[in-house]
PDB file of all heavy atoms in Angstrom:
ATOM      1  N   THR A   1      24.276 -46.772  39.850  1.00  0.00           N
ATOM      2  CA  THR A   1      25.466 -46.730  39.008  1.00  0.00           C
ATOM      3  C   THR A   1      26.189 -45.400  39.094  1.00  0.00           C
ATOM      4  O   THR A   1      27.398 -45.343  38.934  1.00  0.00           O
ATOM      5  CB  THR A   1      25.103 -47.018  37.543  1.00  0.00           C
ATOM      6  OG1 THR A   1      24.152 -46.060  37.103  1.00  0.00           O
ATOM      7  CG2 THR A   1      24.589 -48.424  37.369  1.00  0.00           C
ATOM      8  N   SER A   2      25.498 -44.306  39.340  1.00  0.00           N
ATOM      9  CA  SER A   2      26.148 -42.997  39.398  1.00  0.00           C
ATOM     10  C   SER A   2      26.685 -42.675  40.792  1.00  0.00           C
ATOM     11  O   SER A   2      27.460 -41.752  40.949  1.00  0.00           O
ATOM     12  CB  SER A   2      25.181 -41.898  38.959  1.00  0.00           C
ATOM     13  OG  SER A   2      24.125 -41.787  39.882  1.00  0.00           O
ATOM     14  N   GLN A   3      26.297 -43.421  41.797  1.00  0.00           N
ATOM     15  CA  GLN A   3      26.715 -43.130  43.167  1.00  0.00           C
ATOM     16  C   GLN A   3      28.211 -43.300  43.383  1.00  0.00           C
ATOM     17  O   GLN A   3      28.836 -42.427  43.978  1.00  0.00           O
ATOM     18  CB  GLN A   3      25.914 -43.988  44.139  1.00  0.00           C
ATOM     19  CG  GLN A   3      25.973 -43.498  45.555  1.00  0.00           C
ATOM     20  CD  GLN A   3      25.005 -44.269  46.440  1.00  0.00           C
ATOM     21  OE1 GLN A   3      24.546 -45.343  46.084  1.00  0.00           O
ATOM     22  NE2 GLN A   3      24.696 -43.730  47.588  1.00  0.00           N
ATOM     23  N   PRO A   4      28.876 -44.368  42.941  1.00  0.00           N
ATOM     24  CA  PRO A   4      30.324 -44.484  43.160  1.00  0.00           C
ATOM     25  C   PRO A   4      31.105 -43.365  42.471  1.00  0.00           C
ATOM     26  O   PRO A   4      32.109 -42.890  42.985  1.00  0.00           O
ATOM     27  CB  PRO A   4      30.676 -45.852  42.572  1.00  0.00           C
ATOM     28  CG  PRO A   4      29.414 -46.623  42.585  1.00  0.00           C
ATOM     29  CD  PRO A   4      28.326 -45.619  42.396  1.00  0.00           C
ATOM     30  N   VAL A   5      30.648 -42.927  41.327  1.00  0.00           N
ATOM     31  CA  VAL A   5      31.329 -41.831  40.621  1.00  0.00           C
ATOM     32  C   VAL A   5      31.240 -40.559  41.445  1.00  0.00           C
ATOM     33  O   VAL A   5      32.227 -39.822  41.591  1.00  0.00           O
ATOM     34  CB  VAL A   5      30.708 -41.635  39.217  1.00  0.00           C
ATOM     35  CG1 VAL A   5      31.311 -40.428  38.538  1.00  0.00           C
ATOM     36  CG2 VAL A   5      30.897 -42.880  38.386  1.00  0.00           C
ATOM     37  N   ALA A   6      30.075 -40.283  41.995  1.00  0.00           N
ATOM     38  CA  ALA A   6      29.891 -39.073  42.796  1.00  0.00           C
ATOM     39  C   ALA A   6      30.743 -39.122  44.065  1.00  0.00           C
ATOM     40  O   ALA A   6      31.316 -38.110  44.472  1.00  0.00           O
ATOM     41  CB  ALA A   6      28.426 -38.895  43.154  1.00  0.00           C
ATOM     42  N   LEU A   7      30.843 -40.301  44.681  1.00  0.00           N
ATOM     43  CA  LEU A   7      31.659 -40.423  45.894  1.00  0.00           C
ATOM     44  C   LEU A   7      33.134 -40.214  45.581  1.00  0.00           C
ATOM     45  O   LEU A   7      33.853 -39.562  46.335  1.00  0.00           O
ATOM     46  CB  LEU A   7      31.447 -41.790  46.545  1.00  0.00           C
ATOM     47  CG  LEU A   7      30.099 -41.999  47.225  1.00  0.00           C
ATOM     48  CD1 LEU A   7      29.981 -43.431  47.724  1.00  0.00           C
ATOM     49  CD2 LEU A   7      29.920 -41.023  48.356  1.00  0.00           C
ATOM     50  N   GLY A   8      33.596 -40.768  44.470  1.00  0.00           N
ATOM     51  CA  GLY A   8      34.995 -40.577  44.080  1.00  0.00           C
ATOM     52  C   GLY A   8      35.301 -39.128  43.788  1.00  0.00           C
ATOM     53  O   GLY A   8      36.352 -38.591  44.148  1.00  0.00           O
ATOM     54  N   ARG A   9      34.375 -38.436  43.143  1.00  0.00           N
ATOM     55  CA  ARG A   9      34.548 -37.023  42.831  1.00  0.00           C
ATOM     56  C   ARG A   9      34.571 -36.188  44.117  1.00  0.00           C
ATOM     57  O   ARG A   9      35.376 -35.271  44.257  1.00  0.00           O
ATOM     58  CB  ARG A   9      33.420 -36.551  41.919  1.00  0.00           C
ATOM     59  CG  ARG A   9      33.642 -35.177  41.353  1.00  0.00           C
ATOM     60  CD  ARG A   9      32.537 -34.766  40.407  1.00  0.00           C
ATOM     61  NE  ARG A   9      32.320 -35.757  39.363  1.00  0.00           N
ATOM     62  CZ  ARG A   9      31.134 -36.023  38.836  1.00  0.00           C
ATOM     63  NH1 ARG A   9      30.064 -35.398  39.270  1.00  0.00           N
ATOM     64  NH2 ARG A   9      31.008 -36.924  37.895  1.00  0.00           N
ATOM     65  N   ALA A  10      33.707 -36.530  45.074  1.00  0.00           N
ATOM     66  CA  ALA A  10      33.664 -35.796  46.341  1.00  0.00           C
ATOM     67  C   ALA A  10      34.959 -35.982  47.122  1.00  0.00           C
ATOM     68  O   ALA A  10      35.476 -35.027  47.714  1.00  0.00           O
ATOM     69  CB  ALA A  10      32.479 -36.252  47.177  1.00  0.00           C
ATOM     70  N   LYS A  11      35.512 -37.186  47.116  1.00  0.00           N
ATOM     71  CA  LYS A  11      36.779 -37.418  47.815  1.00  0.00           C
ATOM     72  C   LYS A  11      37.900 -36.615  47.193  1.00  0.00           C
ATOM     73  O   LYS A  11      38.745 -36.063  47.890  1.00  0.00           O
ATOM     74  CB  LYS A  11      37.126 -38.909  47.795  1.00  0.00           C
ATOM     75  CG  LYS A  11      36.301 -39.736  48.731  1.00  0.00           C
ATOM     76  CD  LYS A  11      36.715 -41.190  48.681  1.00  0.00           C
ATOM     77  CE  LYS A  11      35.840 -42.047  49.571  1.00  0.00           C
ATOM     78  NZ  LYS A  11      36.234 -43.465  49.513  1.00  0.00           N
ATOM     79  N   GLY A  12      37.920 -36.531  45.873  1.00  0.00           N
ATOM     80  CA  GLY A  12      38.945 -35.743  45.184  1.00  0.00           C
ATOM     81  C   GLY A  12      38.849 -34.269  45.522  1.00  0.00           C
ATOM     82  O   GLY A  12      39.865 -33.598  45.729  1.00  0.00           O
ATOM     83  N   ILE A  13      37.650 -33.753  45.595  1.00  0.00           N
ATOM     84  CA  ILE A  13      37.458 -32.339  45.935  1.00  0.00           C
ATOM     85  C   ILE A  13      37.914 -32.074  47.359  1.00  0.00           C
ATOM     86  O   ILE A  13      38.568 -31.069  47.632  1.00  0.00           O
ATOM     87  CB  ILE A  13      35.982 -31.936  45.729  1.00  0.00           C
ATOM     88  CG1 ILE A  13      35.646 -31.942  44.240  1.00  0.00           C
ATOM     89  CG2 ILE A  13      35.704 -30.568  46.329  1.00  0.00           C
ATOM     90  CD1 ILE A  13      34.183 -31.742  43.946  1.00  0.00           C
ATOM     91  N   LEU A  14      37.574 -32.962  48.289  1.00  0.00           N
ATOM     92  CA  LEU A  14      37.991 -32.772  49.676  1.00  0.00           C
ATOM     93  C   LEU A  14      39.507 -32.815  49.815  1.00  0.00           C
ATOM     94  O   LEU A  14      40.097 -32.031  50.560  1.00  0.00           O
ATOM     95  CB  LEU A  14      37.349 -33.828  50.575  1.00  0.00           C
ATOM     96  CG  LEU A  14      35.867 -33.620  50.888  1.00  0.00           C
ATOM     97  CD1 LEU A  14      35.335 -34.792  51.679  1.00  0.00           C
ATOM     98  CD2 LEU A  14      35.661 -32.327  51.640  1.00  0.00           C
ATOM     99  N   GLN A  15      40.163 -33.725  49.106  1.00  0.00           N
ATOM    100  CA  GLN A  15      41.615 -33.790  49.175  1.00  0.00           C
ATOM    101  C   GLN A  15      42.243 -32.540  48.592  1.00  0.00           C
ATOM    102  O   GLN A  15      43.245 -32.046  49.091  1.00  0.00           O
ATOM    103  CB  GLN A  15      42.121 -35.036  48.440  1.00  0.00           C
ATOM    104  CG  GLN A  15      41.842 -36.309  49.189  1.00  0.00           C
ATOM    105  CD  GLN A  15      42.248 -37.540  48.392  1.00  0.00           C
ATOM    106  OE1 GLN A  15      42.583 -37.441  47.224  1.00  0.00           O
ATOM    107  NE2 GLN A  15      42.202 -38.696  49.042  1.00  0.00           N
ATOM    108  N   GLU A  16      41.644 -32.008  47.529  1.00  0.00           N
ATOM    109  CA  GLU A  16      42.161 -30.787  46.920  1.00  0.00           C
ATOM    110  C   GLU A  16      42.013 -29.606  47.874  1.00  0.00           C
ATOM    111  O   GLU A  16      42.905 -28.782  47.984  1.00  0.00           O
ATOM    112  CB  GLU A  16      41.401 -30.507  45.626  1.00  0.00           C
ATOM    113  CG  GLU A  16      41.935 -29.343  44.842  1.00  0.00           C
ATOM    114  CD  GLU A  16      41.162 -29.168  43.556  1.00  0.00           C
ATOM    115  OE1 GLU A  16      40.930 -30.167  42.858  1.00  0.00           O
ATOM    116  OE2 GLU A  16      40.792 -28.024  43.273  1.00  0.00           O
ATOM    117  N   ARG A  17      40.906 -29.531  48.579  1.00  0.00           N
ATOM    118  CA  ARG A  17      40.705 -28.442  49.534  1.00  0.00           C
ATOM    119  C   ARG A  17      41.672 -28.545  50.706  1.00  0.00           C
ATOM    120  O   ARG A  17      42.173 -27.551  51.194  1.00  0.00           O
ATOM    121  CB  ARG A  17      39.275 -28.435  50.062  1.00  0.00           C
ATOM    122  CG  ARG A  17      38.302 -27.841  49.097  1.00  0.00           C
ATOM    123  CD  ARG A  17      36.996 -27.602  49.767  1.00  0.00           C
ATOM    124  NE  ARG A  17      36.067 -27.001  48.839  1.00  0.00           N
ATOM    125  CZ  ARG A  17      34.835 -26.703  49.131  1.00  0.00           C
ATOM    126  NH1 ARG A  17      34.376 -26.959  50.336  1.00  0.00           N
ATOM    127  NH2 ARG A  17      34.046 -26.161  48.254  1.00  0.00           N
ATOM    128  N   ARG A  18      41.901 -29.743  51.166  1.00  0.00           N
ATOM    129  CA  ARG A  18      42.812 -29.935  52.294  1.00  0.00           C
ATOM    130  C   ARG A  18      44.228 -29.503  51.936  1.00  0.00           C
ATOM    131  O   ARG A  18      44.963 -29.009  52.775  1.00  0.00           O
ATOM    132  CB  ARG A  18      42.822 -31.394  52.729  1.00  0.00           C
ATOM    133  CG  ARG A  18      41.588 -31.805  53.468  1.00  0.00           C
ATOM    134  CD  ARG A  18      41.682 -33.252  53.897  1.00  0.00           C
ATOM    135  NE  ARG A  18      40.397 -33.724  54.393  1.00  0.00           N
ATOM    136  CZ  ARG A  18      40.025 -34.976  54.407  1.00  0.00           C
ATOM    137  NH1 ARG A  18      40.835 -35.913  53.943  1.00  0.00           N
ATOM    138  NH2 ARG A  18      38.853 -35.324  54.871  1.00  0.00           N
ATOM    139  N   SER A  19      44.620 -29.690  50.705  1.00  0.00           N
ATOM    140  CA  SER A  19      45.976 -29.328  50.308  1.00  0.00           C
ATOM    141  C   SER A  19      46.166 -27.822  50.249  1.00  0.00           C
ATOM    142  O   SER A  19      47.291 -27.342  50.281  1.00  0.00           O
ATOM    143  CB  SER A  19      46.313 -29.957  48.957  1.00  0.00           C
ATOM    144  OG  SER A  19      45.507 -29.396  47.942  1.00  0.00           O
ATOM    145  N   SER A  20      45.088 -27.037  50.161  1.00  0.00           N
ATOM    146  CA  SER A  20      45.224 -25.586  50.100  1.00  0.00           C
ATOM    147  C   SER A  20      45.083 -24.918  51.468  1.00  0.00           C
ATOM    148  O   SER A  20      45.159 -23.702  51.561  1.00  0.00           O
ATOM    149  CB  SER A  20      44.197 -24.999  49.136  1.00  0.00           C
ATOM    150  OG  SER A  20      42.901 -25.217  49.650  1.00  0.00           O
ATOM    151  N   ILE A  21      44.862 -25.686  52.523  1.00  0.00           N
ATOM    152  CA  ILE A  21      44.740 -25.124  53.867  1.00  0.00           C
ATOM    153  C   ILE A  21      46.106 -25.166  54.539  1.00  0.00           C
ATOM    154  O   ILE A  21      46.764 -26.197  54.583  1.00  0.00           O
ATOM    155  CB  ILE A  21      43.709 -25.918  54.699  1.00  0.00           C
ATOM    156  CG1 ILE A  21      42.330 -25.800  54.055  1.00  0.00           C
ATOM    157  CG2 ILE A  21      43.677 -25.414  56.133  1.00  0.00           C
ATOM    158  CD1 ILE A  21      41.274 -26.642  54.715  1.00  0.00           C
ATOM    159  N   TYR A  22      46.522 -24.017  55.052  1.00  0.00           N
ATOM    160  CA  TYR A  22      47.825 -23.909  55.708  1.00  0.00           C
ATOM    161  C   TYR A  22      47.636 -23.797  57.208  1.00  0.00           C
ATOM    162  O   TYR A  22      46.725 -23.141  57.683  1.00  0.00           O
ATOM    163  CB  TYR A  22      48.583 -22.683  55.201  1.00  0.00           C
ATOM    164  CG  TYR A  22      48.823 -22.715  53.715  1.00  0.00           C
ATOM    165  CD1 TYR A  22      48.093 -21.911  52.856  1.00  0.00           C
ATOM    166  CD2 TYR A  22      49.767 -23.564  53.169  1.00  0.00           C
ATOM    167  CE1 TYR A  22      48.304 -21.942  51.494  1.00  0.00           C
ATOM    168  CE2 TYR A  22      49.988 -23.601  51.810  1.00  0.00           C
ATOM    169  CZ  TYR A  22      49.255 -22.800  50.979  1.00  0.00           C
ATOM    170  OH  TYR A  22      49.466 -22.838  49.635  1.00  0.00           O
ATOM    171  N   SER A  23      48.528 -24.395  57.968  1.00  0.00           N
ATOM    172  CA  SER A  23      48.435 -24.346  59.419  1.00  0.00           C
ATOM    173  C   SER A  23      49.516 -23.462  60.013  1.00  0.00           C
ATOM    174  O   SER A  23      49.761 -23.513  61.206  1.00  0.00           O
ATOM    175  CB  SER A  23      48.525 -25.759  59.998  1.00  0.00           C
ATOM    176  OG  SER A  23      49.786 -26.329  59.683  1.00  0.00           O
ATOM    177  N   LYS A  24      50.175 -22.687  59.181  1.00  0.00           N
ATOM    178  CA  LYS A  24      51.235 -21.810  59.667  1.00  0.00           C
ATOM    179  C   LYS A  24      50.670 -20.425  59.954  1.00  0.00           C
ATOM    180  O   LYS A  24      49.636 -20.042  59.428  1.00  0.00           O
ATOM    181  CB  LYS A  24      52.326 -21.699  58.610  1.00  0.00           C
ATOM    182  CG  LYS A  24      52.998 -23.012  58.293  1.00  0.00           C
ATOM    183  CD  LYS A  24      54.029 -22.832  57.206  1.00  0.00           C
ATOM    184  CE  LYS A  24      54.645 -24.168  56.837  1.00  0.00           C
ATOM    185  NZ  LYS A  24      55.585 -24.043  55.728  1.00  0.00           N
ATOM    186  N   PRO A  25      51.355 -19.635  60.783  1.00  0.00           N
ATOM    187  CA  PRO A  25      50.910 -18.258  60.997  1.00  0.00           C
ATOM    188  C   PRO A  25      51.092 -17.442  59.718  1.00  0.00           C
ATOM    189  O   PRO A  25      51.879 -17.813  58.846  1.00  0.00           O
ATOM    190  CB  PRO A  25      51.821 -17.749  62.122  1.00  0.00           C
ATOM    191  CG  PRO A  25      52.946 -18.702  62.190  1.00  0.00           C
ATOM    192  CD  PRO A  25      52.497 -19.990  61.607  1.00  0.00           C
ATOM    193  N   PRO A  26      50.377 -16.337  59.587  1.00  0.00           N
ATOM    194  CA  PRO A  26      50.482 -15.540  58.365  1.00  0.00           C
ATOM    195  C   PRO A  26      51.879 -14.949  58.185  1.00  0.00           C
ATOM    196  O   PRO A  26      52.570 -14.640  59.148  1.00  0.00           O
ATOM    197  CB  PRO A  26      49.431 -14.442  58.559  1.00  0.00           C
ATOM    198  CG  PRO A  26      49.202 -14.377  60.016  1.00  0.00           C
ATOM    199  CD  PRO A  26      49.449 -15.754  60.552  1.00  0.00           C
ATOM    200  N   LYS A  27      52.287 -14.787  56.931  1.00  0.00           N
ATOM    201  CA  LYS A  27      53.601 -14.214  56.641  1.00  0.00           C
ATOM    202  C   LYS A  27      53.612 -12.717  56.930  1.00  0.00           C
ATOM    203  O   LYS A  27      54.562 -12.181  57.470  1.00  0.00           O
ATOM    204  CB  LYS A  27      53.973 -14.466  55.187  1.00  0.00           C
ATOM    205  CG  LYS A  27      54.201 -15.920  54.881  1.00  0.00           C
ATOM    206  CD  LYS A  27      54.546 -16.118  53.426  1.00  0.00           C
ATOM    207  CE  LYS A  27      54.725 -17.594  53.134  1.00  0.00           C
ATOM    208  NZ  LYS A  27      55.003 -17.841  51.716  1.00  0.00           N
ATOM    209  N   ASN A  28      52.550 -12.033  56.533  1.00  0.00           N
ATOM    210  CA  ASN A  28      52.444 -10.583  56.750  1.00  0.00           C
ATOM    211  C   ASN A  28      51.285 -10.316  57.702  1.00  0.00           C
ATOM    212  O   ASN A  28      50.153 -10.691  57.419  1.00  0.00           O
ATOM    213  CB  ASN A  28      52.184  -9.860  55.427  1.00  0.00           C
ATOM    214  CG  ASN A  28      53.273 -10.130  54.418  1.00  0.00           C
ATOM    215  OD1 ASN A  28      54.432 -10.255  54.784  1.00  0.00           O
ATOM    216  ND2 ASN A  28      52.899 -10.229  53.155  1.00  0.00           N
ATOM    217  N   LYS A  29      51.572  -9.665  58.796  1.00  0.00           N
ATOM    218  CA  LYS A  29      50.516  -9.354  59.758  1.00  0.00           C
ATOM    219  C   LYS A  29      49.793  -8.083  59.316  1.00  0.00           C
ATOM    220  O   LYS A  29      50.410  -7.138  58.836  1.00  0.00           O
ATOM    221  CB  LYS A  29      51.095  -9.176  61.149  1.00  0.00           C
ATOM    222  CG  LYS A  29      51.654 -10.459  61.713  1.00  0.00           C
ATOM    223  CD  LYS A  29      51.921 -10.358  63.176  1.00  0.00           C
ATOM    224  CE  LYS A  29      52.378 -11.714  63.680  1.00  0.00           C
ATOM    225  NZ  LYS A  29      52.461 -11.764  65.109  1.00  0.00           N
ATOM    226  N   ILE A  30      48.493  -8.073  59.512  1.00  0.00           N
ATOM    227  CA  ILE A  30      47.669  -6.924  59.171  1.00  0.00           C
ATOM    228  C   ILE A  30      47.386  -6.168  60.459  1.00  0.00           C
ATOM    229  O   ILE A  30      46.959  -6.752  61.457  1.00  0.00           O
ATOM    230  CB  ILE A  30      46.356  -7.365  58.509  1.00  0.00           C
ATOM    231  CG1 ILE A  30      46.663  -8.078  57.197  1.00  0.00           C
ATOM    232  CG2 ILE A  30      45.449  -6.181  58.267  1.00  0.00           C
ATOM    233  CD1 ILE A  30      45.457  -8.634  56.514  1.00  0.00           C
ATOM    234  N   GLY A  31      47.616  -4.870  60.432  1.00  0.00           N
ATOM    235  CA  GLY A  31      47.404  -4.049  61.618  1.00  0.00           C
ATOM    236  C   GLY A  31      45.942  -3.753  61.871  1.00  0.00           C
ATOM    237  O   GLY A  31      45.059  -4.059  61.063  1.00  0.00           O
ATOM    238  N   ALA A  32      45.691  -3.120  63.005  1.00  0.00           N
ATOM    239  CA  ALA A  32      44.310  -2.784  63.380  1.00  0.00           C
ATOM    240  C   ALA A  32      43.717  -1.759  62.426  1.00  0.00           C
ATOM    241  O   ALA A  32      42.533  -1.827  62.081  1.00  0.00           O
ATOM    242  CB  ALA A  32      44.282  -2.262  64.810  1.00  0.00           C
ATOM    243  N   GLY A  33      44.522  -0.806  61.973  1.00  0.00           N
ATOM    244  CA  GLY A  33      44.029   0.216  61.044  1.00  0.00           C
ATOM    245  C   GLY A  33      43.616  -0.379  59.711  1.00  0.00           C
ATOM    246  O   GLY A  33      42.569  -0.023  59.154  1.00  0.00           O
ATOM    247  N   GLN A  34      44.422  -1.283  59.189  1.00  0.00           N
ATOM    248  CA  GLN A  34      44.080  -1.931  57.931  1.00  0.00           C
ATOM    249  C   GLN A  34      42.837  -2.802  58.081  1.00  0.00           C
ATOM    250  O   GLN A  34      41.978  -2.819  57.196  1.00  0.00           O
ATOM    251  CB  GLN A  34      45.246  -2.788  57.442  1.00  0.00           C
ATOM    252  CG  GLN A  34      46.418  -1.981  56.926  1.00  0.00           C
ATOM    253  CD  GLN A  34      47.580  -2.876  56.535  1.00  0.00           C
ATOM    254  OE1 GLN A  34      47.762  -3.950  57.118  1.00  0.00           O
ATOM    255  NE2 GLN A  34      48.368  -2.433  55.577  1.00  0.00           N
ATOM    256  N   SER A  35      42.731  -3.502  59.187  1.00  0.00           N
ATOM    257  CA  SER A  35      41.543  -4.334  59.426  1.00  0.00           C
ATOM    258  C   SER A  35      40.290  -3.476  59.502  1.00  0.00           C
ATOM    259  O   SER A  35      39.258  -3.817  58.913  1.00  0.00           O
ATOM    260  CB  SER A  35      41.686  -5.116  60.718  1.00  0.00           C
ATOM    261  OG  SER A  35      42.734  -6.033  60.625  1.00  0.00           O
ATOM    262  N   PHE A  36      40.376  -2.356  60.210  1.00  0.00           N
ATOM    263  CA  PHE A  36      39.222  -1.465  60.315  1.00  0.00           C
ATOM    264  C   PHE A  36      38.841  -0.908  58.951  1.00  0.00           C
ATOM    265  O   PHE A  36      37.659  -0.851  58.605  1.00  0.00           O
ATOM    266  CB  PHE A  36      39.537  -0.317  61.293  1.00  0.00           C
ATOM    267  CG  PHE A  36      38.417   0.668  61.416  1.00  0.00           C
ATOM    268  CD1 PHE A  36      37.289   0.354  62.140  1.00  0.00           C
ATOM    269  CD2 PHE A  36      38.493   1.900  60.795  1.00  0.00           C
ATOM    270  CE1 PHE A  36      36.239   1.252  62.249  1.00  0.00           C
ATOM    271  CE2 PHE A  36      37.467   2.804  60.888  1.00  0.00           C
ATOM    272  CZ  PHE A  36      36.332   2.480  61.622  1.00  0.00           C
ATOM    273  N   PHE A  37      39.823  -0.509  58.152  1.00  0.00           N
ATOM    274  CA  PHE A  37      39.549   0.038  56.825  1.00  0.00           C
ATOM    275  C   PHE A  37      38.883  -1.005  55.938  1.00  0.00           C
ATOM    276  O   PHE A  37      37.874  -0.727  55.284  1.00  0.00           O
ATOM    277  CB  PHE A  37      40.849   0.539  56.181  1.00  0.00           C
ATOM    278  CG  PHE A  37      40.666   1.016  54.780  1.00  0.00           C
ATOM    279  CD1 PHE A  37      40.061   2.226  54.530  1.00  0.00           C
ATOM    280  CD2 PHE A  37      41.086   0.242  53.713  1.00  0.00           C
ATOM    281  CE1 PHE A  37      39.869   2.667  53.234  1.00  0.00           C
ATOM    282  CE2 PHE A  37      40.908   0.670  52.413  1.00  0.00           C
ATOM    283  CZ  PHE A  37      40.304   1.887  52.169  1.00  0.00           C
ATOM    284  N   ILE A  38      39.409  -2.207  55.930  1.00  0.00           N
ATOM    285  CA  ILE A  38      38.851  -3.267  55.078  1.00  0.00           C
ATOM    286  C   ILE A  38      37.429  -3.607  55.509  1.00  0.00           C
ATOM    287  O   ILE A  38      36.533  -3.752  54.669  1.00  0.00           O
ATOM    288  CB  ILE A  38      39.759  -4.511  55.123  1.00  0.00           C
ATOM    289  CG1 ILE A  38      41.081  -4.203  54.428  1.00  0.00           C
ATOM    290  CG2 ILE A  38      39.088  -5.717  54.500  1.00  0.00           C
ATOM    291  CD1 ILE A  38      42.141  -5.248  54.628  1.00  0.00           C
ATOM    292  N   MET A  39      37.203  -3.699  56.811  1.00  0.00           N
ATOM    293  CA  MET A  39      35.862  -4.033  57.292  1.00  0.00           C
ATOM    294  C   MET A  39      34.870  -2.908  57.007  1.00  0.00           C
ATOM    295  O   MET A  39      33.704  -3.165  56.692  1.00  0.00           O
ATOM    296  CB  MET A  39      35.905  -4.372  58.778  1.00  0.00           C
ATOM    297  CG  MET A  39      36.627  -5.691  59.035  1.00  0.00           C
ATOM    298  SD  MET A  39      36.752  -6.108  60.763  1.00  0.00           S
ATOM    299  CE  MET A  39      35.062  -6.519  61.128  1.00  0.00           C
ATOM    300  N   SER A  40      35.311  -1.655  57.101  1.00  0.00           N
ATOM    301  CA  SER A  40      34.399  -0.554  56.821  1.00  0.00           C
ATOM    302  C   SER A  40      34.065  -0.472  55.335  1.00  0.00           C
ATOM    303  O   SER A  40      32.927  -0.180  54.965  1.00  0.00           O
ATOM    304  CB  SER A  40      34.987   0.771  57.320  1.00  0.00           C
ATOM    305  OG  SER A  40      36.196   1.053  56.647  1.00  0.00           O
ATOM    306  N   VAL A  41      35.038  -0.734  54.461  1.00  0.00           N
ATOM    307  CA  VAL A  41      34.753  -0.755  53.022  1.00  0.00           C
ATOM    308  C   VAL A  41      33.779  -1.876  52.702  1.00  0.00           C
ATOM    309  O   VAL A  41      32.836  -1.688  51.914  1.00  0.00           O
ATOM    310  CB  VAL A  41      36.066  -0.900  52.212  1.00  0.00           C
ATOM    311  CG1 VAL A  41      35.790  -1.220  50.767  1.00  0.00           C
ATOM    312  CG2 VAL A  41      36.899   0.360  52.330  1.00  0.00           C
ATOM    313  N   PHE A  42      33.967  -3.033  53.293  1.00  0.00           N
ATOM    314  CA  PHE A  42      33.058  -4.154  53.067  1.00  0.00           C
ATOM    315  C   PHE A  42      31.649  -3.813  53.558  1.00  0.00           C
ATOM    316  O   PHE A  42      30.659  -4.098  52.871  1.00  0.00           O
ATOM    317  CB  PHE A  42      33.588  -5.395  53.771  1.00  0.00           C
ATOM    318  CG  PHE A  42      32.743  -6.609  53.572  1.00  0.00           C
ATOM    319  CD1 PHE A  42      32.734  -7.271  52.360  1.00  0.00           C
ATOM    320  CD2 PHE A  42      31.955  -7.091  54.598  1.00  0.00           C
ATOM    321  CE1 PHE A  42      31.942  -8.393  52.170  1.00  0.00           C
ATOM    322  CE2 PHE A  42      31.171  -8.211  54.417  1.00  0.00           C
ATOM    323  CZ  PHE A  42      31.166  -8.863  53.203  1.00  0.00           C
ATOM    324  N   ALA A  43      31.553  -3.203  54.731  1.00  0.00           N
ATOM    325  CA  ALA A  43      30.235  -2.839  55.276  1.00  0.00           C
ATOM    326  C   ALA A  43      29.549  -1.818  54.371  1.00  0.00           C
ATOM    327  O   ALA A  43      28.341  -1.920  54.116  1.00  0.00           O
ATOM    328  CB  ALA A  43      30.386  -2.292  56.688  1.00  0.00           C
ATOM    329  N   MET A  44      30.308  -0.847  53.873  1.00  0.00           N
ATOM    330  CA  MET A  44      29.726   0.155  52.981  1.00  0.00           C
ATOM    331  C   MET A  44      29.242  -0.497  51.683  1.00  0.00           C
ATOM    332  O   MET A  44      28.178  -0.150  51.168  1.00  0.00           O
ATOM    333  CB  MET A  44      30.744   1.247  52.669  1.00  0.00           C
ATOM    334  CG  MET A  44      31.137   2.078  53.869  1.00  0.00           C
ATOM    335  SD  MET A  44      29.783   3.034  54.503  1.00  0.00           S
ATOM    336  CE  MET A  44      29.897   4.432  53.434  1.00  0.00           C
TER     337      MET A  44
END
């Protein structure tokens, strides 16, 4: 009895995730310096 409810909920979550994925290129490009800084802060 709980299986159809779980399947319906899973389909809703997948559709919600798909709607937040964009296939366009980024609006603002991040340079190499910014990428290096962000990665080094994360590593630290």
